[in-house]
């Protein structure tokens, strides 16, 4: 859960397009 929360927080700090590309 901690790891998942840290990952989500790190992804939210990325620019929107970069976050989308990373998630995909």
PDBML (XML) file of the C-alpha atoms, coordinates in Angstrom:
<?xml version="1.0" encoding="UTF-8" ?>
<PDBx:datablock datablockName="MODEL"
   xmlns:PDBx="http://pdbml.pdb.org/schema/pdbx-v50.xsd"
   xmlns:xsi="http://www.w3.org/2001/XMLSchema-instance"
   xsi:schemaLocation="http://pdbml.pdb.org/schema/pdbx-v50.xsd pdbx-v50.xsd">
   <PDBx:atom_siteCategory>
      <PDBx:atom_site id="1">
         <PDBx:B_iso_or_equiv>0.00</PDBx:B_iso_or_equiv>
         <PDBx:Cartn_x>0.000</PDBx:Cartn_x>
         <PDBx:Cartn_y>0.000</PDBx:Cartn_y>
         <PDBx:Cartn_z>0.000</PDBx:Cartn_z>
         <PDBx:auth_asym_id>A</PDBx:auth_asym_id>
         <PDBx:auth_atom_id>CA</PDBx:auth_atom_id>
         <PDBx:auth_comp_id>UNK</PDBx:auth_comp_id>
         <PDBx:auth_seq_id>1</PDBx:auth_seq_id>
         <PDBx:group_PDB>ATOM</PDBx:group_PDB>
         <PDBx:label_alt_id xsi:nil="true" />
         <PDBx:label_asym_id>A</PDBx:label_asym_id>
         <PDBx:label_atom_id>CA</PDBx:label_atom_id>
         <PDBx:label_comp_id>UNK</PDBx:label_comp_id>
         <PDBx:label_entity_id>1</PDBx:label_entity_id>
         <PDBx:label_seq_id>1</PDBx:label_seq_id>
         <PDBx:occupancy>1.00</PDBx:occupancy>
         <PDBx:pdbx_PDB_model_num>1</PDBx:pdbx_PDB_model_num>
         <PDBx:type_symbol>C</PDBx:type_symbol>
      </PDBx:atom_site>
      <PDBx:atom_site id="2">
         <PDBx:B_iso_or_equiv>0.00</PDBx:B_iso_or_equiv>
         <PDBx:Cartn_x>2.854</PDBx:Cartn_x>
         <PDBx:Cartn_y>2.390</PDBx:Cartn_y>
         <PDBx:Cartn_z>0.852</PDBx:Cartn_z>
         <PDBx:auth_asym_id>A</PDBx:auth_asym_id>
         <PDBx:auth_atom_id>CA</PDBx:auth_atom_id>
         <PDBx:auth_comp_id>UNK</PDBx:auth_comp_id>
         <PDBx:auth_seq_id>2</PDBx:auth_seq_id>
         <PDBx:group_PDB>ATOM</PDBx:group_PDB>
         <PDBx:label_alt_id xsi:nil="true" />
         <PDBx:label_asym_id>A</PDBx:label_asym_id>
         <PDBx:label_atom_id>CA</PDBx:label_atom_id>
         <PDBx:label_comp_id>UNK</PDBx:label_comp_id>
         <PDBx:label_entity_id>1</PDBx:label_entity_id>
         <PDBx:label_seq_id>2</PDBx:label_seq_id>
         <PDBx:occupancy>1.00</PDBx:occupancy>
         <PDBx:pdbx_PDB_model_num>1</PDBx:pdbx_PDB_model_num>
         <PDBx:type_symbol>C</PDBx:type_symbol>
      </PDBx:atom_site>
      <PDBx:atom_site id="3">
         <PDBx:B_iso_or_equiv>0.00</PDBx:B_iso_or_equiv>
         <PDBx:Cartn_x>4.628</PDBx:Cartn_x>
         <PDBx:Cartn_y>1.560</PDBx:Cartn_y>
         <PDBx:Cartn_z>-2.381</PDBx:Cartn_z>
         <PDBx:auth_asym_id>A</PDBx:auth_asym_id>
         <PDBx:auth_atom_id>CA</PDBx:auth_atom_id>
         <PDBx:auth_comp_id>UNK</PDBx:auth_comp_id>
         <PDBx:auth_seq_id>3</PDBx:auth_seq_id>
         <PDBx:group_PDB>ATOM</PDBx:group_PDB>
         <PDBx:label_alt_id xsi:nil="true" />
         <PDBx:label_asym_id>A</PDBx:label_asym_id>
         <PDBx:label_atom_id>CA</PDBx:label_atom_id>
         <PDBx:label_comp_id>UNK</PDBx:label_comp_id>
         <PDBx:label_entity_id>1</PDBx:label_entity_id>
         <PDBx:label_seq_id>3</PDBx:label_seq_id>
         <PDBx:occupancy>1.00</PDBx:occupancy>
         <PDBx:pdbx_PDB_model_num>1</PDBx:pdbx_PDB_model_num>
         <PDBx:type_symbol>C</PDBx:type_symbol>
      </PDBx:atom_site>
      <PDBx:atom_site id="4">
         <PDBx:B_iso_or_equiv>0.00</PDBx:B_iso_or_equiv>
         <PDBx:Cartn_x>1.436</PDBx:Cartn_x>
         <PDBx:Cartn_y>2.026</PDBx:Cartn_y>
         <PDBx:Cartn_z>-4.375</PDBx:Cartn_z>
         <PDBx:auth_asym_id>A</PDBx:auth_asym_id>
         <PDBx:auth_atom_id>CA</PDBx:auth_atom_id>
         <PDBx:auth_comp_id>UNK</PDBx:auth_comp_id>
         <PDBx:auth_seq_id>4</PDBx:auth_seq_id>
         <PDBx:group_PDB>ATOM</PDBx:group_PDB>
         <PDBx:label_alt_id xsi:nil="true" />
         <PDBx:label_asym_id>A</PDBx:label_asym_id>
         <PDBx:label_atom_id>CA</PDBx:label_atom_id>
         <PDBx:label_comp_id>UNK</PDBx:label_comp_id>
         <PDBx:label_entity_id>1</PDBx:label_entity_id>
         <PDBx:label_seq_id>4</PDBx:label_seq_id>
         <PDBx:occupancy>1.00</PDBx:occupancy>
         <PDBx:pdbx_PDB_model_num>1</PDBx:pdbx_PDB_model_num>
         <PDBx:type_symbol>C</PDBx:type_symbol>
      </PDBx:atom_site>
      <PDBx:atom_site id="5">
         <PDBx:B_iso_or_equiv>0.00</PDBx:B_iso_or_equiv>
         <PDBx:Cartn_x>0.789</PDBx:Cartn_x>
         <PDBx:Cartn_y>5.386</PDBx:Cartn_y>
         <PDBx:Cartn_z>-2.728</PDBx:Cartn_z>
         <PDBx:auth_asym_id>A</PDBx:auth_asym_id>
         <PDBx:auth_atom_id>CA</PDBx:auth_atom_id>
         <PDBx:auth_comp_id>UNK</PDBx:auth_comp_id>
         <PDBx:auth_seq_id>5</PDBx:auth_seq_id>
         <PDBx:group_PDB>ATOM</PDBx:group_PDB>
         <PDBx:label_alt_id xsi:nil="true" />
         <PDBx:label_asym_id>A</PDBx:label_asym_id>
         <PDBx:label_atom_id>CA</PDBx:label_atom_id>
         <PDBx:label_comp_id>UNK</PDBx:label_comp_id>
         <PDBx:label_entity_id>1</PDBx:label_entity_id>
         <PDBx:label_seq_id>5</PDBx:label_seq_id>
         <PDBx:occupancy>1.00</PDBx:occupancy>
         <PDBx:pdbx_PDB_model_num>1</PDBx:pdbx_PDB_model_num>
         <PDBx:type_symbol>C</PDBx:type_symbol>
      </PDBx:atom_site>
      <PDBx:atom_site id="6">
         <PDBx:B_iso_or_equiv>0.00</PDBx:B_iso_or_equiv>
         <PDBx:Cartn_x>4.357</PDBx:Cartn_x>
         <PDBx:Cartn_y>6.545</PDBx:Cartn_y>
         <PDBx:Cartn_z>-3.421</PDBx:Cartn_z>
         <PDBx:auth_asym_id>A</PDBx:auth_asym_id>
         <PDBx:auth_atom_id>CA</PDBx:auth_atom_id>
         <PDBx:auth_comp_id>UNK</PDBx:auth_comp_id>
         <PDBx:auth_seq_id>6</PDBx:auth_seq_id>
         <PDBx:group_PDB>ATOM</PDBx:group_PDB>
         <PDBx:label_alt_id xsi:nil="true" />
         <PDBx:label_asym_id>A</PDBx:label_asym_id>
         <PDBx:label_atom_id>CA</PDBx:label_atom_id>
         <PDBx:label_comp_id>UNK</PDBx:label_comp_id>
         <PDBx:label_entity_id>1</PDBx:label_entity_id>
         <PDBx:label_seq_id>6</PDBx:label_seq_id>
         <PDBx:occupancy>1.00</PDBx:occupancy>
         <PDBx:pdbx_PDB_model_num>1</PDBx:pdbx_PDB_model_num>
         <PDBx:type_symbol>C</PDBx:type_symbol>
      </PDBx:atom_site>
      <PDBx:atom_site id="7">
         <PDBx:B_iso_or_equiv>0.00</PDBx:B_iso_or_equiv>
         <PDBx:Cartn_x>4.062</PDBx:Cartn_x>
         <PDBx:Cartn_y>5.446</PDBx:Cartn_y>
         <PDBx:Cartn_z>-7.045</PDBx:Cartn_z>
         <PDBx:auth_asym_id>A</PDBx:auth_asym_id>
         <PDBx:auth_atom_id>CA</PDBx:auth_atom_id>
         <PDBx:auth_comp_id>UNK</PDBx:auth_comp_id>
         <PDBx:auth_seq_id>7</PDBx:auth_seq_id>
         <PDBx:group_PDB>ATOM</PDBx:group_PDB>
         <PDBx:label_alt_id xsi:nil="true" />
         <PDBx:label_asym_id>A</PDBx:label_asym_id>
         <PDBx:label_atom_id>CA</PDBx:label_atom_id>
         <PDBx:label_comp_id>UNK</PDBx:label_comp_id>
         <PDBx:label_entity_id>1</PDBx:label_entity_id>
         <PDBx:label_seq_id>7</PDBx:label_seq_id>
         <PDBx:occupancy>1.00</PDBx:occupancy>
         <PDBx:pdbx_PDB_model_num>1</PDBx:pdbx_PDB_model_num>
         <PDBx:type_symbol>C</PDBx:type_symbol>
      </PDBx:atom_site>
      <PDBx:atom_site id="8">
         <PDBx:B_iso_or_equiv>0.00</PDBx:B_iso_or_equiv>
         <PDBx:Cartn_x>0.775</PDBx:Cartn_x>
         <PDBx:Cartn_y>7.301</PDBx:Cartn_y>
         <PDBx:Cartn_z>-7.506</PDBx:Cartn_z>
         <PDBx:auth_asym_id>A</PDBx:auth_asym_id>
         <PDBx:auth_atom_id>CA</PDBx:auth_atom_id>
         <PDBx:auth_comp_id>UNK</PDBx:auth_comp_id>
         <PDBx:auth_seq_id>8</PDBx:auth_seq_id>
         <PDBx:group_PDB>ATOM</PDBx:group_PDB>
         <PDBx:label_alt_id xsi:nil="true" />
         <PDBx:label_asym_id>A</PDBx:label_asym_id>
         <PDBx:label_atom_id>CA</PDBx:label_atom_id>
         <PDBx:label_comp_id>UNK</PDBx:label_comp_id>
         <PDBx:label_entity_id>1</PDBx:label_entity_id>
         <PDBx:label_seq_id>8</PDBx:label_seq_id>
         <PDBx:occupancy>1.00</PDBx:occupancy>
         <PDBx:pdbx_PDB_model_num>1</PDBx:pdbx_PDB_model_num>
         <PDBx:type_symbol>C</PDBx:type_symbol>
      </PDBx:atom_site>
      <PDBx:atom_site id="9">
         <PDBx:B_iso_or_equiv>0.00</PDBx:B_iso_or_equiv>
         <PDBx:Cartn_x>2.248</PDBx:Cartn_x>
         <PDBx:Cartn_y>10.433</PDBx:Cartn_y>
         <PDBx:Cartn_z>-5.933</PDBx:Cartn_z>
         <PDBx:auth_asym_id>A</PDBx:auth_asym_id>
         <PDBx:auth_atom_id>CA</PDBx:auth_atom_id>
         <PDBx:auth_comp_id>UNK</PDBx:auth_comp_id>
         <PDBx:auth_seq_id>9</PDBx:auth_seq_id>
         <PDBx:group_PDB>ATOM</PDBx:group_PDB>
         <PDBx:label_alt_id xsi:nil="true" />
         <PDBx:label_asym_id>A</PDBx:label_asym_id>
         <PDBx:label_atom_id>CA</PDBx:label_atom_id>
         <PDBx:label_comp_id>UNK</PDBx:label_comp_id>
         <PDBx:label_entity_id>1</PDBx:label_entity_id>
         <PDBx:label_seq_id>9</PDBx:label_seq_id>
         <PDBx:occupancy>1.00</PDBx:occupancy>
         <PDBx:pdbx_PDB_model_num>1</PDBx:pdbx_PDB_model_num>
         <PDBx:type_symbol>C</PDBx:type_symbol>
      </PDBx:atom_site>
      <PDBx:atom_site id="10">
         <PDBx:B_iso_or_equiv>0.00</PDBx:B_iso_or_equiv>
         <PDBx:Cartn_x>5.307</PDBx:Cartn_x>
         <PDBx:Cartn_y>10.254</PDBx:Cartn_y>
         <PDBx:Cartn_z>-8.187</PDBx:Cartn_z>
         <PDBx:auth_asym_id>A</PDBx:auth_asym_id>
         <PDBx:auth_atom_id>CA</PDBx:auth_atom_id>
         <PDBx:auth_comp_id>UNK</PDBx:auth_comp_id>
         <PDBx:auth_seq_id>10</PDBx:auth_seq_id>
         <PDBx:group_PDB>ATOM</PDBx:group_PDB>
         <PDBx:label_alt_id xsi:nil="true" />
         <PDBx:label_asym_id>A</PDBx:label_asym_id>
         <PDBx:label_atom_id>CA</PDBx:label_atom_id>
         <PDBx:label_comp_id>UNK</PDBx:label_comp_id>
         <PDBx:label_entity_id>1</PDBx:label_entity_id>
         <PDBx:label_seq_id>10</PDBx:label_seq_id>
         <PDBx:occupancy>1.00</PDBx:occupancy>
         <PDBx:pdbx_PDB_model_num>1</PDBx:pdbx_PDB_model_num>
         <PDBx:type_symbol>C</PDBx:type_symbol>
      </PDBx:atom_site>
      <PDBx:atom_site id="11">
         <PDBx:B_iso_or_equiv>0.00</PDBx:B_iso_or_equiv>
         <PDBx:Cartn_x>3.128</PDBx:Cartn_x>
         <PDBx:Cartn_y>9.756</PDBx:Cartn_y>
         <PDBx:Cartn_z>-11.268</PDBx:Cartn_z>
         <PDBx:auth_asym_id>A</PDBx:auth_asym_id>
         <PDBx:auth_atom_id>CA</PDBx:auth_atom_id>
         <PDBx:auth_comp_id>UNK</PDBx:auth_comp_id>
         <PDBx:auth_seq_id>11</PDBx:auth_seq_id>
         <PDBx:group_PDB>ATOM</PDBx:group_PDB>
         <PDBx:label_alt_id xsi:nil="true" />
         <PDBx:label_asym_id>A</PDBx:label_asym_id>
         <PDBx:label_atom_id>CA</PDBx:label_atom_id>
         <PDBx:label_comp_id>UNK</PDBx:label_comp_id>
         <PDBx:label_entity_id>1</PDBx:label_entity_id>
         <PDBx:label_seq_id>11</PDBx:label_seq_id>
         <PDBx:occupancy>1.00</PDBx:occupancy>
         <PDBx:pdbx_PDB_model_num>1</PDBx:pdbx_PDB_model_num>
         <PDBx:type_symbol>C</PDBx:type_symbol>
      </PDBx:atom_site>
      <PDBx:atom_site id="12">
         <PDBx:B_iso_or_equiv>0.00</PDBx:B_iso_or_equiv>
         <PDBx:Cartn_x>0.942</PDBx:Cartn_x>
         <PDBx:Cartn_y>12.730</PDBx:Cartn_y>
         <PDBx:Cartn_z>-10.363</PDBx:Cartn_z>
         <PDBx:auth_asym_id>A</PDBx:auth_asym_id>
         <PDBx:auth_atom_id>CA</PDBx:auth_atom_id>
         <PDBx:auth_comp_id>UNK</PDBx:auth_comp_id>
         <PDBx:auth_seq_id>12</PDBx:auth_seq_id>
         <PDBx:group_PDB>ATOM</PDBx:group_PDB>
         <PDBx:label_alt_id xsi:nil="true" />
         <PDBx:label_asym_id>A</PDBx:label_asym_id>
         <PDBx:label_atom_id>CA</PDBx:label_atom_id>
         <PDBx:label_comp_id>UNK</PDBx:label_comp_id>
         <PDBx:label_entity_id>1</PDBx:label_entity_id>
         <PDBx:label_seq_id>12</PDBx:label_seq_id>
         <PDBx:occupancy>1.00</PDBx:occupancy>
         <PDBx:pdbx_PDB_model_num>1</PDBx:pdbx_PDB_model_num>
         <PDBx:type_symbol>C</PDBx:type_symbol>
      </PDBx:atom_site>
      <PDBx:atom_site id="13">
         <PDBx:B_iso_or_equiv>0.00</PDBx:B_iso_or_equiv>
         <PDBx:Cartn_x>4.058</PDBx:Cartn_x>
         <PDBx:Cartn_y>14.902</PDBx:Cartn_y>
         <PDBx:Cartn_z>-10.233</PDBx:Cartn_z>
         <PDBx:auth_asym_id>A</PDBx:auth_asym_id>
         <PDBx:auth_atom_id>CA</PDBx:auth_atom_id>
         <PDBx:auth_comp_id>UNK</PDBx:auth_comp_id>
         <PDBx:auth_seq_id>13</PDBx:auth_seq_id>
         <PDBx:group_PDB>ATOM</PDBx:group_PDB>
         <PDBx:label_alt_id xsi:nil="true" />
         <PDBx:label_asym_id>A</PDBx:label_asym_id>
         <PDBx:label_atom_id>CA</PDBx:label_atom_id>
         <PDBx:label_comp_id>UNK</PDBx:label_comp_id>
         <PDBx:label_entity_id>1</PDBx:label_entity_id>
         <PDBx:label_seq_id>13</PDBx:label_seq_id>
         <PDBx:occupancy>1.00</PDBx:occupancy>
         <PDBx:pdbx_PDB_model_num>1</PDBx:pdbx_PDB_model_num>
         <PDBx:type_symbol>C</PDBx:type_symbol>
      </PDBx:atom_site>
      <PDBx:atom_site id="14">
         <PDBx:B_iso_or_equiv>0.00</PDBx:B_iso_or_equiv>
         <PDBx:Cartn_x>4.793</PDBx:Cartn_x>
         <PDBx:Cartn_y>14.156</PDBx:Cartn_y>
         <PDBx:Cartn_z>-13.908</PDBx:Cartn_z>
         <PDBx:auth_asym_id>A</PDBx:auth_asym_id>
         <PDBx:auth_atom_id>CA</PDBx:auth_atom_id>
         <PDBx:auth_comp_id>UNK</PDBx:auth_comp_id>
         <PDBx:auth_seq_id>14</PDBx:auth_seq_id>
         <PDBx:group_PDB>ATOM</PDBx:group_PDB>
         <PDBx:label_alt_id xsi:nil="true" />
         <PDBx:label_asym_id>A</PDBx:label_asym_id>
         <PDBx:label_atom_id>CA</PDBx:label_atom_id>
         <PDBx:label_comp_id>UNK</PDBx:label_comp_id>
         <PDBx:label_entity_id>1</PDBx:label_entity_id>
         <PDBx:label_seq_id>14</PDBx:label_seq_id>
         <PDBx:occupancy>1.00</PDBx:occupancy>
         <PDBx:pdbx_PDB_model_num>1</PDBx:pdbx_PDB_model_num>
         <PDBx:type_symbol>C</PDBx:type_symbol>
      </PDBx:atom_site>
      <PDBx:atom_site id="15">
         <PDBx:B_iso_or_equiv>0.00</PDBx:B_iso_or_equiv>
         <PDBx:Cartn_x>3.458</PDBx:Cartn_x>
         <PDBx:Cartn_y>16.304</PDBx:Cartn_y>
         <PDBx:Cartn_z>-16.742</PDBx:Cartn_z>
         <PDBx:auth_asym_id>A</PDBx:auth_asym_id>
         <PDBx:auth_atom_id>CA</PDBx:auth_atom_id>
         <PDBx:auth_comp_id>UNK</PDBx:auth_comp_id>
         <PDBx:auth_seq_id>15</PDBx:auth_seq_id>
         <PDBx:group_PDB>ATOM</PDBx:group_PDB>
         <PDBx:label_alt_id xsi:nil="true" />
         <PDBx:label_asym_id>A</PDBx:label_asym_id>
         <PDBx:label_atom_id>CA</PDBx:label_atom_id>
         <PDBx:label_comp_id>UNK</PDBx:label_comp_id>
         <PDBx:label_entity_id>1</PDBx:label_entity_id>
         <PDBx:label_seq_id>15</PDBx:label_seq_id>
         <PDBx:occupancy>1.00</PDBx:occupancy>
         <PDBx:pdbx_PDB_model_num>1</PDBx:pdbx_PDB_model_num>
         <PDBx:type_symbol>C</PDBx:type_symbol>
      </PDBx:atom_site>
      <PDBx:atom_site id="16">
         <PDBx:B_iso_or_equiv>0.00</PDBx:B_iso_or_equiv>
         <PDBx:Cartn_x>0.062</PDBx:Cartn_x>
         <PDBx:Cartn_y>14.933</PDBx:Cartn_y>
         <PDBx:Cartn_z>-17.911</PDBx:Cartn_z>
         <PDBx:auth_asym_id>A</PDBx:auth_asym_id>
         <PDBx:auth_atom_id>CA</PDBx:auth_atom_id>
         <PDBx:auth_comp_id>UNK</PDBx:auth_comp_id>
         <PDBx:auth_seq_id>16</PDBx:auth_seq_id>
         <PDBx:group_PDB>ATOM</PDBx:group_PDB>
         <PDBx:label_alt_id xsi:nil="true" />
         <PDBx:label_asym_id>A</PDBx:label_asym_id>
         <PDBx:label_atom_id>CA</PDBx:label_atom_id>
         <PDBx:label_comp_id>UNK</PDBx:label_comp_id>
         <PDBx:label_entity_id>1</PDBx:label_entity_id>
         <PDBx:label_seq_id>16</PDBx:label_seq_id>
         <PDBx:occupancy>1.00</PDBx:occupancy>
         <PDBx:pdbx_PDB_model_num>1</PDBx:pdbx_PDB_model_num>
         <PDBx:type_symbol>C</PDBx:type_symbol>
      </PDBx:atom_site>
      <PDBx:atom_site id="17">
         <PDBx:B_iso_or_equiv>0.00</PDBx:B_iso_or_equiv>
         <PDBx:Cartn_x>1.262</PDBx:Cartn_x>
         <PDBx:Cartn_y>13.502</PDBx:Cartn_y>
         <PDBx:Cartn_z>-21.229</PDBx:Cartn_z>
         <PDBx:auth_asym_id>A</PDBx:auth_asym_id>
         <PDBx:auth_atom_id>CA</PDBx:auth_atom_id>
         <PDBx:auth_comp_id>UNK</PDBx:auth_comp_id>
         <PDBx:auth_seq_id>17</PDBx:auth_seq_id>
         <PDBx:group_PDB>ATOM</PDBx:group_PDB>
         <PDBx:label_alt_id xsi:nil="true" />
         <PDBx:label_asym_id>A</PDBx:label_asym_id>
         <PDBx:label_atom_id>CA</PDBx:label_atom_id>
         <PDBx:label_comp_id>UNK</PDBx:label_comp_id>
         <PDBx:label_entity_id>1</PDBx:label_entity_id>
         <PDBx:label_seq_id>17</PDBx:label_seq_id>
         <PDBx:occupancy>1.00</PDBx:occupancy>
         <PDBx:pdbx_PDB_model_num>1</PDBx:pdbx_PDB_model_num>
         <PDBx:type_symbol>C</PDBx:type_symbol>
      </PDBx:atom_site>
      <PDBx:atom_site id="18">
         <PDBx:B_iso_or_equiv>0.00</PDBx:B_iso_or_equiv>
         <PDBx:Cartn_x>4.299</PDBx:Cartn_x>
         <PDBx:Cartn_y>11.889</PDBx:Cartn_y>
         <PDBx:Cartn_z>-19.623</PDBx:Cartn_z>
         <PDBx:auth_asym_id>A</PDBx:auth_asym_id>
         <PDBx:auth_atom_id>CA</PDBx:auth_atom_id>
         <PDBx:auth_comp_id>UNK</PDBx:auth_comp_id>
         <PDBx:auth_seq_id>18</PDBx:auth_seq_id>
         <PDBx:group_PDB>ATOM</PDBx:group_PDB>
         <PDBx:label_alt_id xsi:nil="true" />
         <PDBx:label_asym_id>A</PDBx:label_asym_id>
         <PDBx:label_atom_id>CA</PDBx:label_atom_id>
         <PDBx:label_comp_id>UNK</PDBx:label_comp_id>
         <PDBx:label_entity_id>1</PDBx:label_entity_id>
         <PDBx:label_seq_id>18</PDBx:label_seq_id>
         <PDBx:occupancy>1.00</PDBx:occupancy>
         <PDBx:pdbx_PDB_model_num>1</PDBx:pdbx_PDB_model_num>
         <PDBx:type_symbol>C</PDBx:type_symbol>
      </PDBx:atom_site>
      <PDBx:atom_site id="19">
         <PDBx:B_iso_or_equiv>0.00</PDBx:B_iso_or_equiv>
         <PDBx:Cartn_x>2.106</PDBx:Cartn_x>
         <PDBx:Cartn_y>10.349</PDBx:Cartn_y>
         <PDBx:Cartn_z>-16.927</PDBx:Cartn_z>
         <PDBx:auth_asym_id>A</PDBx:auth_asym_id>
         <PDBx:auth_atom_id>CA</PDBx:auth_atom_id>
         <PDBx:auth_comp_id>UNK</PDBx:auth_comp_id>
         <PDBx:auth_seq_id>19</PDBx:auth_seq_id>
         <PDBx:group_PDB>ATOM</PDBx:group_PDB>
         <PDBx:label_alt_id xsi:nil="true" />
         <PDBx:label_asym_id>A</PDBx:label_asym_id>
         <PDBx:label_atom_id>CA</PDBx:label_atom_id>
         <PDBx:label_comp_id>UNK</PDBx:label_comp_id>
         <PDBx:label_entity_id>1</PDBx:label_entity_id>
         <PDBx:label_seq_id>19</PDBx:label_seq_id>
         <PDBx:occupancy>1.00</PDBx:occupancy>
         <PDBx:pdbx_PDB_model_num>1</PDBx:pdbx_PDB_model_num>
         <PDBx:type_symbol>C</PDBx:type_symbol>
      </PDBx:atom_site>
      <PDBx:atom_site id="20">
         <PDBx:B_iso_or_equiv>0.00</PDBx:B_iso_or_equiv>
         <PDBx:Cartn_x>-0.261</PDBx:Cartn_x>
         <PDBx:Cartn_y>8.948</PDBx:Cartn_y>
         <PDBx:Cartn_z>-19.557</PDBx:Cartn_z>
         <PDBx:auth_asym_id>A</PDBx:auth_asym_id>
         <PDBx:auth_atom_id>CA</PDBx:auth_atom_id>
         <PDBx:auth_comp_id>UNK</PDBx:auth_comp_id>
         <PDBx:auth_seq_id>20</PDBx:auth_seq_id>
         <PDBx:group_PDB>ATOM</PDBx:group_PDB>
         <PDBx:label_alt_id xsi:nil="true" />
         <PDBx:label_asym_id>A</PDBx:label_asym_id>
         <PDBx:label_atom_id>CA</PDBx:label_atom_id>
         <PDBx:label_comp_id>UNK</PDBx:label_comp_id>
         <PDBx:label_entity_id>1</PDBx:label_entity_id>
         <PDBx:label_seq_id>20</PDBx:label_seq_id>
         <PDBx:occupancy>1.00</PDBx:occupancy>
         <PDBx:pdbx_PDB_model_num>1</PDBx:pdbx_PDB_model_num>
         <PDBx:type_symbol>C</PDBx:type_symbol>
      </PDBx:atom_site>
      <PDBx:atom_site id="21">
         <PDBx:B_iso_or_equiv>0.00</PDBx:B_iso_or_equiv>
         <PDBx:Cartn_x>2.603</PDBx:Cartn_x>
         <PDBx:Cartn_y>7.492</PDBx:Cartn_y>
         <PDBx:Cartn_z>-21.577</PDBx:Cartn_z>
         <PDBx:auth_asym_id>A</PDBx:auth_asym_id>
         <PDBx:auth_atom_id>CA</PDBx:auth_atom_id>
         <PDBx:auth_comp_id>UNK</PDBx:auth_comp_id>
         <PDBx:auth_seq_id>21</PDBx:auth_seq_id>
         <PDBx:group_PDB>ATOM</PDBx:group_PDB>
         <PDBx:label_alt_id xsi:nil="true" />
         <PDBx:label_asym_id>A</PDBx:label_asym_id>
         <PDBx:label_atom_id>CA</PDBx:label_atom_id>
         <PDBx:label_comp_id>UNK</PDBx:label_comp_id>
         <PDBx:label_entity_id>1</PDBx:label_entity_id>
         <PDBx:label_seq_id>21</PDBx:label_seq_id>
         <PDBx:occupancy>1.00</PDBx:occupancy>
         <PDBx:pdbx_PDB_model_num>1</PDBx:pdbx_PDB_model_num>
         <PDBx:type_symbol>C</PDBx:type_symbol>
      </PDBx:atom_site>
      <PDBx:atom_site id="22">
         <PDBx:B_iso_or_equiv>0.00</PDBx:B_iso_or_equiv>
         <PDBx:Cartn_x>4.168</PDBx:Cartn_x>
         <PDBx:Cartn_y>5.952</PDBx:Cartn_y>
         <PDBx:Cartn_z>-18.468</PDBx:Cartn_z>
         <PDBx:auth_asym_id>A</PDBx:auth_asym_id>
         <PDBx:auth_atom_id>CA</PDBx:auth_atom_id>
         <PDBx:auth_comp_id>UNK</PDBx:auth_comp_id>
         <PDBx:auth_seq_id>22</PDBx:auth_seq_id>
         <PDBx:group_PDB>ATOM</PDBx:group_PDB>
         <PDBx:label_alt_id xsi:nil="true" />
         <PDBx:label_asym_id>A</PDBx:label_asym_id>
         <PDBx:label_atom_id>CA</PDBx:label_atom_id>
         <PDBx:label_comp_id>UNK</PDBx:label_comp_id>
         <PDBx:label_entity_id>1</PDBx:label_entity_id>
         <PDBx:label_seq_id>22</PDBx:label_seq_id>
         <PDBx:occupancy>1.00</PDBx:occupancy>
         <PDBx:pdbx_PDB_model_num>1</PDBx:pdbx_PDB_model_num>
         <PDBx:type_symbol>C</PDBx:type_symbol>
      </PDBx:atom_site>
      <PDBx:atom_site id="23">
         <PDBx:B_iso_or_equiv>0.00</PDBx:B_iso_or_equiv>
         <PDBx:Cartn_x>0.895</PDBx:Cartn_x>
         <PDBx:Cartn_y>4.385</PDBx:Cartn_y>
         <PDBx:Cartn_z>-17.342</PDBx:Cartn_z>
         <PDBx:auth_asym_id>A</PDBx:auth_asym_id>
         <PDBx:auth_atom_id>CA</PDBx:auth_atom_id>
         <PDBx:auth_comp_id>UNK</PDBx:auth_comp_id>
         <PDBx:auth_seq_id>23</PDBx:auth_seq_id>
         <PDBx:group_PDB>ATOM</PDBx:group_PDB>
         <PDBx:label_alt_id xsi:nil="true" />
         <PDBx:label_asym_id>A</PDBx:label_asym_id>
         <PDBx:label_atom_id>CA</PDBx:label_atom_id>
         <PDBx:label_comp_id>UNK</PDBx:label_comp_id>
         <PDBx:label_entity_id>1</PDBx:label_entity_id>
         <PDBx:label_seq_id>23</PDBx:label_seq_id>
         <PDBx:occupancy>1.00</PDBx:occupancy>
         <PDBx:pdbx_PDB_model_num>1</PDBx:pdbx_PDB_model_num>
         <PDBx:type_symbol>C</PDBx:type_symbol>
      </PDBx:atom_site>
      <PDBx:atom_site id="24">
         <PDBx:B_iso_or_equiv>0.00</PDBx:B_iso_or_equiv>
         <PDBx:Cartn_x>0.202</PDBx:Cartn_x>
         <PDBx:Cartn_y>2.960</PDBx:Cartn_y>
         <PDBx:Cartn_z>-20.802</PDBx:Cartn_z>
         <PDBx:auth_asym_id>A</PDBx:auth_asym_id>
         <PDBx:auth_atom_id>CA</PDBx:auth_atom_id>
         <PDBx:auth_comp_id>UNK</PDBx:auth_comp_id>
         <PDBx:auth_seq_id>24</PDBx:auth_seq_id>
         <PDBx:group_PDB>ATOM</PDBx:group_PDB>
         <PDBx:label_alt_id xsi:nil="true" />
         <PDBx:label_asym_id>A</PDBx:label_asym_id>
         <PDBx:label_atom_id>CA</PDBx:label_atom_id>
         <PDBx:label_comp_id>UNK</PDBx:label_comp_id>
         <PDBx:label_entity_id>1</PDBx:label_entity_id>
         <PDBx:label_seq_id>24</PDBx:label_seq_id>
         <PDBx:occupancy>1.00</PDBx:occupancy>
         <PDBx:pdbx_PDB_model_num>1</PDBx:pdbx_PDB_model_num>
         <PDBx:type_symbol>C</PDBx:type_symbol>
      </PDBx:atom_site>
   </PDBx:atom_siteCategory>
</PDBx:datablock>
